[in-house]
Amino acid sequence: MKVSELNSVGFCCVQNKFEDAEITGGYTSDLLSDVMGNLKDGQVLITIQAHKNTIAVASLSGALAVIFCHGRSVTPDVLEAAADEGIALFSTSDNQFDATVTLAHSLR
């Protein structure tokens, strides 16, 4: 599955300046130090942490996209940082468990 296809499985694209690469997996966490230690290149981060530091950690970890759960709003500075790093941003009203399950089923 490619990043652009996340939109077709129910995630709403909120920042679309990214390379449409193949997703290799996902990682769900709100603890950014945990994300830094465990998220792998090519994965999608699922979190409720909708702030600029999340984008920095996602970039350092090689994330292709970030999915913000619980309908978290994305501020202009987060949008700008993600565009600068080429990281796609998506949002969902789902909780993290449901978003993770949706992504996992979509990757099979």
Protein backbone atom coordinates (compact mmCIF):
# COMPACT_ATOMS: atom_id res chain seq x y z
CA MET A 1 0.00 0.00 0.00
CA LYS A 2 1.23 3.48 -0.87
CA VAL A 3 0.89 6.55 1.32
CA SER A 4 -1.74 8.11 -0.96
CA GLU A 5 -3.96 5.06 -0.45
CA LEU A 6 -4.41 5.85 3.25
CA ASN A 7 -7.10 8.26 2.17
CA SER A 8 -9.08 5.43 0.55
CA VAL A 9 -9.22 3.40 3.78
CA GLY A 10 -10.74 6.20 5.85
CA PHE A 11 -7.90 8.48 6.88
CA CYS A 12 -8.29 12.15 5.90
CA CYS A 13 -5.23 13.69 4.23
CA VAL A 14 -4.41 17.09 5.74
CA GLN A 15 -0.93 17.62 4.22
CA ASN A 16 -0.20 16.22 0.80
CA LYS A 17 3.35 17.35 -0.01
CA PHE A 18 5.03 13.96 0.22
CA GLU A 19 6.65 11.22 -1.81
CA ASP A 20 4.10 8.51 -2.52
CA ALA A 21 6.18 5.61 -1.26
CA GLU A 22 5.28 2.07 -0.24
CA ILE A 23 4.35 1.72 3.46
CA THR A 24 6.29 -1.03 5.24
CA GLY A 25 4.34 -1.01 8.52
CA GLY A 26 3.08 1.14 11.33
CA TYR A 27 3.88 2.09 14.88
CA THR A 28 1.48 3.40 17.52
CA SER A 29 2.78 5.47 20.42
CA ASP A 30 2.44 8.83 22.15
CA LEU A 31 5.79 8.74 23.88
CA LEU A 32 8.20 10.38 21.46
CA SER A 33 11.30 8.74 22.94
CA ASP A 34 9.59 5.38 22.35
CA VAL A 35 8.87 6.36 18.76
CA MET A 36 12.52 7.35 18.23
CA GLY A 37 13.67 3.96 19.46
CA ASN A 38 11.17 1.77 17.66
CA LEU A 39 9.63 3.32 14.54
CA LYS A 40 11.37 2.07 11.39
CA ASP A 41 11.99 3.63 7.98
CA GLY A 42 8.94 3.48 5.77
CA GLN A 43 6.41 3.13 8.56
CA VAL A 44 3.40 5.23 9.56
CA LEU A 45 3.20 6.77 13.03
CA ILE A 46 -0.21 6.64 14.74
CA THR A 47 -0.50 9.09 17.65
CA ILE A 48 -2.50 11.78 19.41
CA GLN A 49 0.57 14.04 19.73
CA ALA A 50 -0.32 16.71 17.14
CA HIS A 51 2.58 19.10 17.58
CA LYS A 52 5.79 20.10 15.84
CA ASN A 53 8.04 17.82 17.92
CA THR A 54 6.11 14.83 16.58
CA ILE A 55 7.11 15.81 13.05
CA ALA A 56 10.77 16.15 14.06
CA VAL A 57 10.75 12.68 15.63
CA ALA A 58 8.87 11.19 12.67
CA SER A 59 11.47 12.66 10.32
CA LEU A 60 14.42 11.37 12.35
CA SER A 61 12.82 7.93 12.46
CA GLY A 62 12.08 7.74 8.73
CA ALA A 63 8.28 7.83 8.95
CA LEU A 64 6.41 8.32 5.69
CA ALA A 65 3.25 9.61 7.34
CA VAL A 66 1.66 10.50 10.65
CA ILE A 67 -1.96 9.72 11.49
CA PHE A 68 -3.42 11.92 14.23
CA CYS A 69 -6.26 10.22 16.12
CA HIS A 70 -9.31 11.46 18.04
CA GLY A 71 -9.85 14.26 15.51
CA ARG A 72 -6.84 16.22 16.74
CA SER A 73 -6.52 19.47 14.84
CA VAL A 74 -3.31 20.27 13.03
CA THR A 75 -1.82 23.72 13.46
CA PRO A 76 -0.11 25.67 10.65
CA ASP A 77 3.37 25.13 12.15
CA VAL A 78 2.83 21.36 12.13
CA LEU A 79 1.62 21.48 8.51
CA GLU A 80 4.65 23.52 7.50
CA ALA A 81 7.11 21.24 9.31
CA ALA A 82 5.59 18.14 7.72
CA ALA A 83 5.68 19.71 4.24
CA ASP A 84 9.33 20.68 4.76
CA GLU A 85 10.17 17.10 5.75
CA GLY A 86 8.00 15.45 3.07
CA ILE A 87 5.88 13.66 5.66
CA ALA A 88 2.22 13.10 4.85
CA LEU A 89 -0.31 13.98 7.53
CA PHE A 90 -3.64 12.28 8.02
CA SER A 91 -6.34 12.61 10.64
CA THR A 92 -9.10 10.37 11.89
CA SER A 93 -11.83 10.58 14.49
CA ASP A 94 -10.98 6.98 15.44
CA ASN A 95 -9.08 6.11 18.60
CA GLN A 96 -5.56 4.74 18.29
CA PHE A 97 -6.61 1.11 18.59
CA ASP A 98 -9.12 1.36 15.75
CA ALA A 99 -6.73 3.35 13.56
CA THR A 100 -4.01 0.76 14.14
CA VAL A 101 -6.36 -2.09 13.24
CA THR A 102 -7.47 -0.28 10.08
CA LEU A 103 -3.87 0.28 8.99
CA ALA A 104 -2.86 -3.30 9.82
CA HIS A 105 -5.75 -4.77 7.80
CA SER A 106 -4.98 -2.45 4.90
CA LEU A 107 -1.36 -3.55 4.74
CA ARG A 108 -2.21 -7.26 4.39
